[in-house]
Amino acid sequence: MRRLIGKFLADQSGATAIEYCLIAVGLSIVIIAAVNGIGTSLSGNFASISSSIK
């Protein structure tokens, strides 16, 4: 029983998975912010082009 508990406490694979998950979440937030900023800029450009065509 002691060996099983010791082996469980020494296992690092769960911590590694959590670290990768946090990295993925951080990258997702950066990508969403960048796309949101570019989308706002493009929307303004398309509105300007649309009004100039009319």
Protein backbone atom coordinates (compact mmCIF):
# COMPACT_ATOMS: atom_id res chain seq x y z
CA MET A 1 0.00 0.00 0.00
CA ARG A 2 2.87 2.39 0.79
CA ARG A 3 4.45 1.71 -2.58
CA LEU A 4 1.16 2.46 -4.36
CA ILE A 5 0.72 5.79 -2.55
CA GLY A 6 4.36 6.70 -3.13
CA LYS A 7 4.05 5.89 -6.81
CA PHE A 8 0.87 7.98 -7.06
CA LEU A 9 2.51 10.99 -5.40
CA ALA A 10 5.60 10.74 -7.63
CA ASP A 11 3.59 10.58 -10.88
CA GLN A 12 4.07 13.78 -12.90
CA SER A 13 2.04 12.94 -16.02
CA GLY A 14 -1.09 14.71 -14.78
CA ALA A 15 0.84 17.89 -14.05
CA THR A 16 2.30 17.86 -17.56
CA ALA A 17 -1.14 17.49 -19.11
CA ILE A 18 -2.42 20.43 -17.08
CA GLU A 19 0.54 22.56 -18.16
CA TYR A 20 -0.13 21.80 -21.83
CA CYS A 21 -3.79 22.63 -21.31
CA LEU A 22 -2.89 26.01 -19.78
CA ILE A 23 -0.57 26.77 -22.70
CA ALA A 24 -3.35 25.92 -25.16
CA VAL A 25 -5.80 28.16 -23.30
CA GLY A 26 -3.32 31.05 -23.34
CA LEU A 27 -2.72 30.67 -27.07
CA SER A 28 -6.45 30.52 -27.70
CA ILE A 29 -7.00 33.78 -25.85
CA VAL A 30 -4.25 35.50 -27.87
CA ILE A 31 -5.67 34.20 -31.17
CA ILE A 32 -9.22 35.28 -30.29
CA ALA A 33 -8.03 38.76 -29.32
CA ALA A 34 -6.05 39.12 -32.56
CA VAL A 35 -8.93 37.94 -34.74
CA ASN A 36 -11.33 40.24 -32.91
CA GLY A 37 -9.07 43.25 -33.50
CA ILE A 38 -8.56 42.42 -37.18
CA GLY A 39 -12.30 41.82 -37.62
CA THR A 40 -13.15 45.25 -36.24
CA SER A 41 -10.62 46.88 -38.56
CA LEU A 42 -11.87 44.97 -41.60
CA SER A 43 -15.47 45.83 -40.79
CA GLY A 44 -14.59 49.52 -40.87
CA ASN A 45 -12.76 49.12 -44.17
CA PHE A 46 -15.66 47.27 -45.79
CA ALA A 47 -18.13 49.90 -44.57
CA SER A 48 -15.93 52.63 -46.08
CA ILE A 49 -15.68 50.78 -49.40
CA SER A 50 -19.41 50.11 -49.44
CA SER A 51 -20.27 53.77 -48.87
CA SER A 52 -17.82 54.92 -51.55
CA ILE A 53 -19.28 52.50 -54.13
CA LYS A 54 -22.80 53.84 -53.58
